């Protein structure tokens, strides 16, 4: 694994320096790795599209790669974000596919998003859901949320972290 990461890191560095052959090989290697990564997470019929979306993200973010760091964690992070976006699309499609007679205006998408977030927040402990609503949705600072809830600032941060981690786990199960 370490040699694979080092090889990919070297290919990315060469690609960043303008080597087109290295970049083409890097994308092929990433495609193989991402196919294996997503095979454990989504149905086989959806893998190719998700791999292509992820490779587009790699292309767009290639300048942000720091050659001093390992390559595979960077690639896995991009893959995870694309995977979560994919799950959101699938989740929304399954919700909207229930009644084809219902059509939402484009501006109503935020309403659907809020309903989905609220459904997730209802499954969290009250203290976690409360601080997530205050800080992440209403825009309060950590200190303001601490004052409103009676929790310490560090507890507010911990509850936000744990709550978001639980929500991510719930989304991943879908």
N, C-alpha and C. Protein backbone atom coordinates (compact mmCIF):
# COMPACT_ATOMS: atom_id res chain seq x y z
N UNK A 1 0.83 -1.19 0.00
CA UNK A 1 0.00 0.00 0.00
C UNK A 1 0.88 1.25 0.00
N UNK A 2 1.96 1.22 0.79
CA UNK A 2 2.84 2.39 0.85
C UNK A 2 3.51 2.62 -0.49
N UNK A 3 3.89 1.55 -1.19
CA UNK A 3 4.53 1.73 -2.49
C UNK A 3 3.51 2.23 -3.51
N UNK A 4 2.26 1.76 -3.41
CA UNK A 4 1.21 2.25 -4.31
C UNK A 4 1.00 3.75 -4.08
N UNK A 5 0.95 4.14 -2.82
CA UNK A 5 0.76 5.55 -2.50
C UNK A 5 1.93 6.37 -3.01
N UNK A 6 3.14 5.87 -2.83
CA UNK A 6 4.32 6.60 -3.29
C UNK A 6 4.32 6.73 -4.81
N UNK A 7 3.94 5.66 -5.50
CA UNK A 7 3.86 5.70 -6.97
C UNK A 7 2.85 6.75 -7.41
N UNK A 8 1.66 6.75 -6.79
CA UNK A 8 0.62 7.71 -7.16
C UNK A 8 1.06 9.14 -6.82
N UNK A 9 1.73 9.28 -5.71
CA UNK A 9 2.23 10.61 -5.32
C UNK A 9 3.22 11.12 -6.36
N UNK A 10 4.14 10.25 -6.78
CA UNK A 10 5.13 10.65 -7.79
C UNK A 10 4.46 10.99 -9.12
N UNK A 11 3.44 10.21 -9.49
CA UNK A 11 2.72 10.50 -10.73
C UNK A 11 2.01 11.85 -10.64
N UNK A 12 1.43 12.14 -9.49
CA UNK A 12 0.73 13.43 -9.33
C UNK A 12 1.73 14.58 -9.39
N UNK A 13 2.87 14.43 -8.76
CA UNK A 13 3.88 15.49 -8.81
C UNK A 13 4.35 15.73 -10.24
N UNK A 14 4.54 14.65 -10.98
CA UNK A 14 4.94 14.79 -12.39
C UNK A 14 3.81 15.45 -13.20
N UNK A 15 2.59 15.07 -12.92
CA UNK A 15 1.44 15.66 -13.61
C UNK A 15 1.33 17.15 -13.30
N UNK A 16 1.56 17.50 -12.05
CA UNK A 16 1.52 18.91 -11.68
C UNK A 16 2.62 19.71 -12.39
N UNK A 17 3.71 19.02 -12.71
CA UNK A 17 4.82 19.67 -13.43
C UNK A 17 4.57 19.70 -14.94
N UNK A 18 3.45 19.11 -15.40
CA UNK A 18 3.10 19.19 -16.81
C UNK A 18 3.31 17.91 -17.61
N UNK A 19 3.66 16.80 -16.98
CA UNK A 19 3.88 15.53 -17.68
C UNK A 19 2.52 14.89 -17.99
N UNK A 20 2.13 14.94 -19.27
CA UNK A 20 0.81 14.42 -19.68
C UNK A 20 0.73 12.90 -19.58
N UNK A 21 1.80 12.21 -19.87
CA UNK A 21 1.79 10.75 -19.78
C UNK A 21 1.62 10.32 -18.33
N UNK A 22 2.30 11.00 -17.43
CA UNK A 22 2.17 10.68 -16.01
C UNK A 22 0.74 10.94 -15.55
N UNK A 23 0.15 12.02 -16.06
CA UNK A 23 -1.22 12.36 -15.67
C UNK A 23 -2.21 11.31 -16.18
N UNK A 24 -2.03 10.87 -17.41
CA UNK A 24 -2.90 9.83 -17.98
C UNK A 24 -2.78 8.54 -17.17
N UNK A 25 -1.56 8.17 -16.81
CA UNK A 25 -1.36 6.96 -16.00
C UNK A 25 -1.97 7.13 -14.62
N UNK A 26 -1.79 8.32 -14.03
CA UNK A 26 -2.37 8.60 -12.72
C UNK A 26 -3.88 8.43 -12.76
N UNK A 27 -4.53 8.96 -13.78
CA UNK A 27 -5.99 8.84 -13.87
C UNK A 27 -6.42 7.38 -14.03
N UNK A 28 -5.68 6.61 -14.80
CA UNK A 28 -6.00 5.17 -14.94
C UNK A 28 -5.86 4.45 -13.60
N UNK A 29 -4.78 4.74 -12.88
CA UNK A 29 -4.56 4.11 -11.57
C UNK A 29 -5.64 4.54 -10.58
N UNK A 30 -6.00 5.82 -10.62
CA UNK A 30 -7.06 6.32 -9.73
C UNK A 30 -8.39 5.66 -10.07
N UNK A 31 -8.65 5.47 -11.36
CA UNK A 31 -9.89 4.83 -11.77
C UNK A 31 -9.99 3.42 -11.21
N UNK A 32 -8.90 2.68 -11.29
CA UNK A 32 -8.88 1.32 -10.74
C UNK A 32 -9.10 1.34 -9.23
N UNK A 33 -8.40 2.23 -8.54
CA UNK A 33 -8.52 2.31 -7.08
C UNK A 33 -9.94 2.73 -6.68
N UNK A 34 -10.49 3.73 -7.35
CA UNK A 34 -11.83 4.21 -7.02
C UNK A 34 -12.91 3.16 -7.32
N UNK A 35 -12.72 2.38 -8.37
CA UNK A 35 -13.68 1.32 -8.68
C UNK A 35 -13.73 0.32 -7.53
N UNK A 36 -12.57 -0.06 -7.02
CA UNK A 36 -12.53 -0.96 -5.85
C UNK A 36 -13.15 -0.30 -4.63
N UNK A 37 -12.85 0.98 -4.41
CA UNK A 37 -13.35 1.74 -3.25
C UNK A 37 -14.88 1.81 -3.26
N UNK A 38 -15.46 2.13 -4.42
CA UNK A 38 -16.91 2.29 -4.49
C UNK A 38 -17.64 0.96 -4.58
N UNK A 39 -16.95 -0.12 -4.99
CA UNK A 39 -17.61 -1.42 -5.13
C UNK A 39 -18.19 -1.91 -3.81
N UNK A 40 -17.60 -1.48 -2.72
CA UNK A 40 -18.09 -1.90 -1.40
C UNK A 40 -19.19 -0.97 -0.88
N UNK A 41 -19.50 0.10 -1.62
CA UNK A 41 -20.38 1.13 -1.09
C UNK A 41 -21.66 1.37 -1.88
N UNK A 42 -21.65 1.08 -3.17
CA UNK A 42 -22.83 1.36 -3.99
C UNK A 42 -23.10 0.20 -4.94
N UNK A 43 -24.30 0.15 -5.52
CA UNK A 43 -24.61 -0.91 -6.49
C UNK A 43 -23.69 -0.83 -7.71
N UNK A 44 -23.35 -1.98 -8.28
CA UNK A 44 -22.43 -2.02 -9.42
C UNK A 44 -22.85 -1.13 -10.60
N UNK A 45 -24.14 -0.98 -10.82
CA UNK A 45 -24.61 -0.19 -11.97
C UNK A 45 -24.30 1.31 -11.82
N UNK A 46 -23.96 1.75 -10.61
CA UNK A 46 -23.71 3.17 -10.36
C UNK A 46 -22.23 3.51 -10.23
N UNK A 47 -21.38 2.51 -10.25
CA UNK A 47 -19.95 2.72 -9.99
C UNK A 47 -19.28 3.58 -11.05
N UNK A 48 -19.50 3.26 -12.33
CA UNK A 48 -18.79 3.99 -13.40
C UNK A 48 -19.07 5.48 -13.36
N UNK A 49 -20.33 5.85 -13.17
CA UNK A 49 -20.67 7.28 -13.12
C UNK A 49 -20.00 7.97 -11.95
N UNK A 50 -20.02 7.31 -10.80
CA UNK A 50 -19.41 7.90 -9.62
C UNK A 50 -17.89 8.00 -9.76
N UNK A 51 -17.28 7.01 -10.35
CA UNK A 51 -15.82 7.06 -10.59
C UNK A 51 -15.50 8.24 -11.51
N UNK A 52 -16.29 8.43 -12.57
CA UNK A 52 -16.04 9.54 -13.49
C UNK A 52 -16.22 10.89 -12.81
N UNK A 53 -17.26 11.03 -12.00
CA UNK A 53 -17.48 12.27 -11.25
C UNK A 53 -16.29 12.55 -10.32
N UNK A 54 -15.79 11.51 -9.70
CA UNK A 54 -14.66 11.67 -8.78
C UNK A 54 -13.39 12.04 -9.53
N UNK A 55 -13.17 11.43 -10.69
CA UNK A 55 -12.00 11.78 -11.49
C UNK A 55 -12.07 13.24 -11.96
N UNK A 56 -13.26 13.71 -12.26
CA UNK A 56 -13.42 15.13 -12.62
C UNK A 56 -13.04 16.01 -11.42
N UNK A 57 -13.45 15.60 -10.23
CA UNK A 57 -13.08 16.36 -9.03
C UNK A 57 -11.58 16.33 -8.79
N UNK A 58 -10.96 15.18 -9.03
CA UNK A 58 -9.50 15.08 -8.90
C UNK A 58 -8.84 16.04 -9.88
N UNK A 59 -9.35 16.07 -11.10
CA UNK A 59 -8.80 16.98 -12.11
C UNK A 59 -8.92 18.43 -11.66
N UNK A 60 -10.07 18.79 -11.13
CA UNK A 60 -10.29 20.17 -10.70
C UNK A 60 -9.44 20.53 -9.48
N UNK A 61 -9.19 19.57 -8.61
CA UNK A 61 -8.48 19.84 -7.36
C UNK A 61 -7.00 19.50 -7.42
N UNK A 62 -6.51 19.08 -8.58
CA UNK A 62 -5.12 18.61 -8.66
C UNK A 62 -4.09 19.66 -8.23
N UNK A 63 -4.39 20.91 -8.43
CA UNK A 63 -3.43 21.96 -8.04
C UNK A 63 -3.36 22.10 -6.52
N UNK A 64 -4.39 21.63 -5.82
CA UNK A 64 -4.39 21.77 -4.36
C UNK A 64 -3.64 20.63 -3.67
N UNK A 65 -3.25 19.62 -4.42
CA UNK A 65 -2.53 18.50 -3.80
C UNK A 65 -1.16 18.94 -3.31
N UNK A 66 -0.84 18.61 -2.08
CA UNK A 66 0.45 18.92 -1.47
C UNK A 66 1.34 17.69 -1.58
N UNK A 67 2.39 17.78 -2.35
CA UNK A 67 3.29 16.66 -2.58
C UNK A 67 4.02 16.15 -1.35
N UNK A 68 3.97 16.89 -0.26
CA UNK A 68 4.60 16.44 0.98
C UNK A 68 3.73 15.43 1.73
N UNK A 69 2.49 15.30 1.31
CA UNK A 69 1.55 14.41 1.99
C UNK A 69 1.26 13.18 1.15
N UNK A 70 0.71 12.17 1.80
CA UNK A 70 0.35 10.94 1.11
C UNK A 70 -0.76 11.21 0.09
N UNK A 71 -0.77 10.47 -1.00
CA UNK A 71 -1.75 10.69 -2.06
C UNK A 71 -3.07 9.99 -1.79
N UNK A 72 -3.04 8.74 -1.35
CA UNK A 72 -4.28 7.98 -1.21
C UNK A 72 -5.28 8.59 -0.22
N UNK A 73 -4.85 9.12 0.92
CA UNK A 73 -5.84 9.78 1.78
C UNK A 73 -6.50 10.99 1.09
N UNK A 74 -5.73 11.70 0.29
CA UNK A 74 -6.28 12.83 -0.46
C UNK A 74 -7.32 12.34 -1.47
N UNK A 75 -6.99 11.27 -2.19
CA UNK A 75 -7.92 10.69 -3.15
C UNK A 75 -9.15 10.13 -2.44
N UNK A 76 -8.94 9.44 -1.33
CA UNK A 76 -10.06 8.86 -0.58
C UNK A 76 -11.00 9.95 -0.06
N UNK A 77 -10.46 11.08 0.35
CA UNK A 77 -11.30 12.18 0.83
C UNK A 77 -12.18 12.71 -0.30
N UNK A 78 -11.60 12.88 -1.47
CA UNK A 78 -12.39 13.34 -2.62
C UNK A 78 -13.45 12.30 -2.97
N UNK A 79 -13.04 11.03 -2.96
CA UNK A 79 -13.99 9.96 -3.24
C UNK A 79 -15.13 9.92 -2.24
N UNK A 80 -14.82 10.13 -0.98
CA UNK A 80 -15.85 10.12 0.06
C UNK A 80 -16.84 11.26 -0.14
N UNK A 81 -16.35 12.45 -0.46
CA UNK A 81 -17.25 13.57 -0.71
C UNK A 81 -18.15 13.31 -1.92
N UNK A 82 -17.58 12.75 -2.99
CA UNK A 82 -18.40 12.43 -4.17
C UNK A 82 -19.43 11.36 -3.82
N UNK A 83 -19.03 10.39 -2.99
CA UNK A 83 -19.93 9.31 -2.58
C UNK A 83 -21.10 9.88 -1.77
N UNK A 84 -20.80 10.77 -0.84
CA UNK A 84 -21.86 11.38 -0.03
C UNK A 84 -22.79 12.20 -0.92
N UNK A 85 -22.23 12.94 -1.86
CA UNK A 85 -23.08 13.68 -2.81
C UNK A 85 -23.97 12.73 -3.59
N UNK A 86 -23.41 11.61 -3.99
CA UNK A 86 -24.17 10.59 -4.72
C UNK A 86 -25.31 10.05 -3.85
N UNK A 87 -25.02 9.76 -2.59
CA UNK A 87 -26.06 9.26 -1.69
C UNK A 87 -27.18 10.29 -1.52
N UNK A 88 -26.81 11.55 -1.44
CA UNK A 88 -27.82 12.60 -1.33
C UNK A 88 -28.72 12.62 -2.56
N UNK A 89 -28.11 12.50 -3.75
CA UNK A 89 -28.91 12.48 -4.98
C UNK A 89 -29.86 11.29 -4.99
N UNK A 90 -29.35 10.12 -4.62
CA UNK A 90 -30.18 8.91 -4.60
C UNK A 90 -31.30 9.06 -3.58
N UNK A 91 -30.98 9.61 -2.42
CA UNK A 91 -31.97 9.80 -1.37
C UNK A 91 -33.06 10.76 -1.84
N UNK A 92 -32.66 11.85 -2.44
CA UNK A 92 -33.64 12.83 -2.94
C UNK A 92 -34.48 12.22 -4.04
N UNK A 93 -33.85 11.47 -4.94
CA UNK A 93 -34.59 10.86 -6.04
C UNK A 93 -35.62 9.87 -5.52
N UNK A 94 -35.26 9.12 -4.49
CA UNK A 94 -36.21 8.15 -3.94
C UNK A 94 -37.36 8.85 -3.24
N UNK A 95 -37.09 10.00 -2.62
CA UNK A 95 -38.16 10.75 -1.97
C UNK A 95 -39.07 11.40 -2.99
N UNK A 96 -38.51 11.99 -4.02
CA UNK A 96 -39.33 12.67 -5.00
C UNK A 96 -40.00 11.70 -5.95
N UNK A 97 -39.48 10.49 -6.06
CA UNK A 97 -40.08 9.51 -6.95
C UNK A 97 -41.33 8.87 -6.39
N UNK A 98 -41.73 9.16 -5.18
CA UNK A 98 -42.90 8.54 -4.58
C UNK A 98 -44.19 8.96 -5.27
N UNK A 99 -44.30 10.22 -5.63
CA UNK A 99 -45.51 10.71 -6.26
C UNK A 99 -45.11 11.61 -7.42
N UNK A 100 -45.23 11.09 -8.62
CA UNK A 100 -44.79 11.85 -9.79
C UNK A 100 -45.67 13.05 -10.07
N UNK A 101 -46.85 13.13 -9.45
CA UNK A 101 -47.73 14.27 -9.67
C UNK A 101 -47.24 15.50 -8.91
N UNK A 102 -46.39 15.30 -7.93
CA UNK A 102 -45.86 16.42 -7.16
C UNK A 102 -44.60 16.94 -7.84
N UNK A 103 -44.56 18.22 -8.08
CA UNK A 103 -43.38 18.84 -8.67
C UNK A 103 -43.01 20.05 -7.84
N UNK A 104 -41.76 20.14 -7.48
CA UNK A 104 -41.28 21.28 -6.70
C UNK A 104 -40.57 22.26 -7.63
N UNK A 105 -40.76 23.51 -7.34
CA UNK A 105 -40.05 24.54 -8.09
C UNK A 105 -38.57 24.48 -7.70
N UNK A 106 -37.65 24.91 -8.59
CA UNK A 106 -36.22 24.86 -8.27
C UNK A 106 -35.87 25.54 -6.95
N UNK A 107 -36.56 26.62 -6.61
CA UNK A 107 -36.26 27.33 -5.37
C UNK A 107 -36.71 26.53 -4.14
N UNK A 108 -37.56 25.51 -4.34
CA UNK A 108 -38.05 24.71 -3.23
C UNK A 108 -37.09 23.59 -2.83
N UNK A 109 -35.99 23.43 -3.56
CA UNK A 109 -35.02 22.39 -3.24
C UNK A 109 -34.47 22.58 -1.83
N UNK A 110 -34.31 23.83 -1.41
CA UNK A 110 -33.79 24.09 -0.07
C UNK A 110 -34.77 23.59 0.99
N UNK A 111 -36.06 23.60 0.68
CA UNK A 111 -37.06 23.09 1.62
C UNK A 111 -36.87 21.59 1.80
N UNK A 112 -36.67 20.88 0.69
CA UNK A 112 -36.44 19.43 0.75
C UNK A 112 -35.17 19.14 1.54
N UNK A 113 -34.11 19.93 1.31
CA UNK A 113 -32.86 19.74 2.04
C UNK A 113 -33.08 19.93 3.54
N UNK A 114 -33.83 20.97 3.91
CA UNK A 114 -34.08 21.24 5.33
C UNK A 114 -34.88 20.11 5.96
N UNK A 115 -35.87 19.58 5.23
CA UNK A 115 -36.66 18.47 5.77
C UNK A 115 -35.78 17.24 6.00
N UNK A 116 -34.84 17.00 5.08
CA UNK A 116 -33.93 15.87 5.24
C UNK A 116 -33.02 16.06 6.44
N UNK A 117 -32.50 17.27 6.61
CA UNK A 117 -31.63 17.57 7.75
C UNK A 117 -32.43 17.46 9.05
N UNK A 118 -33.66 17.99 9.06
CA UNK A 118 -34.49 17.89 10.26
C UNK A 118 -34.77 16.44 10.63
N UNK A 119 -35.00 15.60 9.63
CA UNK A 119 -35.24 14.19 9.90
C UNK A 119 -34.03 13.54 10.56
N UNK A 120 -32.84 13.92 10.10
CA UNK A 120 -31.61 13.39 10.71
C UNK A 120 -31.42 13.93 12.12
N UNK A 121 -31.68 15.23 12.30
CA UNK A 121 -31.50 15.85 13.62
C UNK A 121 -32.44 15.25 14.67
N UNK A 122 -33.63 14.83 14.24
CA UNK A 122 -34.58 14.23 15.19
C UNK A 122 -34.06 12.91 15.76
N UNK A 123 -33.12 12.29 15.07
CA UNK A 123 -32.57 11.02 15.52
C UNK A 123 -31.36 11.18 16.46
N UNK A 124 -30.94 12.43 16.66
CA UNK A 124 -29.80 12.71 17.54
C UNK A 124 -30.28 13.02 18.95
N UNK A 125 -29.38 12.87 19.93
CA UNK A 125 -29.70 13.35 21.27
C UNK A 125 -29.99 14.85 21.23
N UNK A 126 -30.90 15.31 22.07
CA UNK A 126 -31.36 16.70 22.04
C UNK A 126 -30.22 17.71 22.12
N UNK A 127 -29.25 17.46 22.98
CA UNK A 127 -28.15 18.43 23.17
C UNK A 127 -27.31 18.57 21.90
N UNK A 128 -27.10 17.46 21.20
CA UNK A 128 -26.34 17.50 19.95
C UNK A 128 -27.14 18.22 18.86
N UNK A 129 -28.40 17.86 18.73
CA UNK A 129 -29.24 18.48 17.70
C UNK A 129 -29.37 19.98 17.94
N UNK A 130 -29.52 20.37 19.20
CA UNK A 130 -29.70 21.79 19.53
C UNK A 130 -28.50 22.63 19.10
N UNK A 131 -27.29 22.16 19.44
CA UNK A 131 -26.12 22.97 19.10
C UNK A 131 -25.83 22.95 17.59
N UNK A 132 -26.15 21.86 16.92
CA UNK A 132 -25.99 21.83 15.46
C UNK A 132 -26.93 22.84 14.82
N UNK A 133 -28.18 22.88 15.29
CA UNK A 133 -29.13 23.86 14.76
C UNK A 133 -28.64 25.28 14.98
N UNK A 134 -28.14 25.54 16.20
CA UNK A 134 -27.71 26.90 16.52
C UNK A 134 -26.48 27.32 15.71
N UNK A 135 -25.46 26.47 15.68
CA UNK A 135 -24.18 26.85 15.08
C UNK A 135 -24.18 26.64 13.56
N UNK A 136 -24.59 25.47 13.12
CA UNK A 136 -24.45 25.13 11.70
C UNK A 136 -25.62 25.64 10.85
N UNK A 137 -26.80 25.79 11.44
CA UNK A 137 -27.95 26.22 10.65
C UNK A 137 -28.27 27.70 10.90
N UNK A 138 -28.37 28.09 12.18
CA UNK A 138 -28.75 29.47 12.50
C UNK A 138 -27.56 30.43 12.44
N UNK A 139 -26.34 29.92 12.48
CA UNK A 139 -25.17 30.77 12.33
C UNK A 139 -24.63 31.39 13.61
N UNK A 140 -25.03 30.86 14.75
CA UNK A 140 -24.50 31.38 16.01
C UNK A 140 -23.05 30.94 16.17
N UNK A 141 -22.29 31.69 16.92
CA UNK A 141 -20.91 31.31 17.22
C UNK A 141 -20.93 30.23 18.30
N UNK A 142 -19.80 29.60 18.51
CA UNK A 142 -19.69 28.57 19.54
C UNK A 142 -20.01 29.18 20.91
N UNK A 143 -19.46 30.35 21.18
CA UNK A 143 -19.69 30.99 22.49
C UNK A 143 -21.15 31.39 22.66
N UNK A 144 -21.80 31.85 21.60
CA UNK A 144 -23.22 32.19 21.69
C UNK A 144 -24.07 30.94 21.94
N UNK A 145 -23.73 29.86 21.26
CA UNK A 145 -24.47 28.61 21.45
C UNK A 145 -24.26 28.08 22.87
N UNK A 146 -23.04 28.22 23.37
CA UNK A 146 -22.75 27.78 24.74
C UNK A 146 -23.58 28.58 25.74
N UNK A 147 -23.68 29.88 25.54
CA UNK A 147 -24.46 30.72 26.44
C UNK A 147 -25.95 30.38 26.38
N UNK A 148 -26.45 30.08 25.19
CA UNK A 148 -27.88 29.78 25.04
C UNK A 148 -28.25 28.42 25.60
N UNK A 149 -27.32 27.46 25.55
CA UNK A 149 -27.65 26.09 25.96
C UNK A 149 -27.17 25.74 27.36
N UNK A 150 -26.27 26.56 27.90
CA UNK A 150 -25.71 26.25 29.21
C UNK A 150 -24.58 25.22 29.15
N UNK A 151 -24.16 24.87 27.95
CA UNK A 151 -23.04 23.95 27.79
C UNK A 151 -21.74 24.76 27.70
N UNK A 152 -20.64 24.14 28.07
CA UNK A 152 -19.35 24.82 27.90
C UNK A 152 -19.02 24.88 26.41
N UNK A 153 -18.13 25.78 26.03
CA UNK A 153 -17.76 25.89 24.63
C UNK A 153 -17.16 24.59 24.11
N UNK A 154 -16.33 23.95 24.92
CA UNK A 154 -15.73 22.70 24.46
C UNK A 154 -16.79 21.61 24.31
N UNK A 155 -17.80 21.59 25.18
CA UNK A 155 -18.87 20.60 25.06
C UNK A 155 -19.71 20.88 23.81
N UNK A 156 -19.92 22.15 23.49
CA UNK A 156 -20.65 22.49 22.28
C UNK A 156 -19.89 21.92 21.07
N UNK A 157 -18.58 22.12 21.02
CA UNK A 157 -17.77 21.62 19.91
C UNK A 157 -17.83 20.09 19.83
N UNK A 158 -17.74 19.44 20.97
CA UNK A 158 -17.80 17.97 21.01
C UNK A 158 -19.17 17.49 20.53
N UNK A 159 -20.24 18.13 21.01
CA UNK A 159 -21.58 17.71 20.60
C UNK A 159 -21.82 17.94 19.11
N UNK A 160 -21.29 19.01 18.57
CA UNK A 160 -21.42 19.24 17.12
C UNK A 160 -20.67 18.15 16.36
N UNK A 161 -19.45 17.88 16.77
CA UNK A 161 -18.63 16.86 16.09
C UNK A 161 -19.32 15.50 16.15
N UNK A 162 -19.75 15.09 17.33
CA UNK A 162 -20.40 13.78 17.48
C UNK A 162 -21.72 13.71 16.72
N UNK A 163 -22.47 14.79 16.75
CA UNK A 163 -23.75 14.81 16.05
C UNK A 163 -23.57 14.70 14.55
N UNK A 164 -22.62 15.45 14.00
CA UNK A 164 -22.38 15.39 12.56
C UNK A 164 -21.84 14.02 12.17
N UNK A 165 -21.00 13.45 13.01
CA UNK A 165 -20.48 12.11 12.73
C UNK A 165 -21.62 11.09 12.71
N UNK A 166 -22.56 11.21 13.65
CA UNK A 166 -23.72 10.30 13.67
C UNK A 166 -24.60 10.49 12.44
N UNK A 167 -24.80 11.75 12.05
CA UNK A 167 -25.61 12.02 10.87
C UNK A 167 -24.95 11.44 9.62
N UNK A 168 -23.64 11.56 9.52
CA UNK A 168 -22.91 10.98 8.38
C UNK A 168 -23.08 9.46 8.36
N UNK A 169 -23.01 8.84 9.52
CA UNK A 169 -23.18 7.39 9.60
C UNK A 169 -24.60 7.00 9.16
N UNK A 170 -25.59 7.81 9.53
CA UNK A 170 -26.97 7.53 9.12
C UNK A 170 -27.10 7.63 7.60
N UNK A 171 -26.47 8.63 7.01
CA UNK A 171 -26.53 8.81 5.57
C UNK A 171 -25.84 7.65 4.86
N UNK A 172 -24.71 7.21 5.40
CA UNK A 172 -23.96 6.13 4.78
C UNK A 172 -24.73 4.82 4.80
N UNK A 173 -25.63 4.63 5.76
CA UNK A 173 -26.42 3.40 5.84
C UNK A 173 -27.51 3.35 4.78
N UNK A 174 -27.85 4.51 4.22
CA UNK A 174 -28.95 4.57 3.25
C UNK A 174 -28.59 3.84 1.98
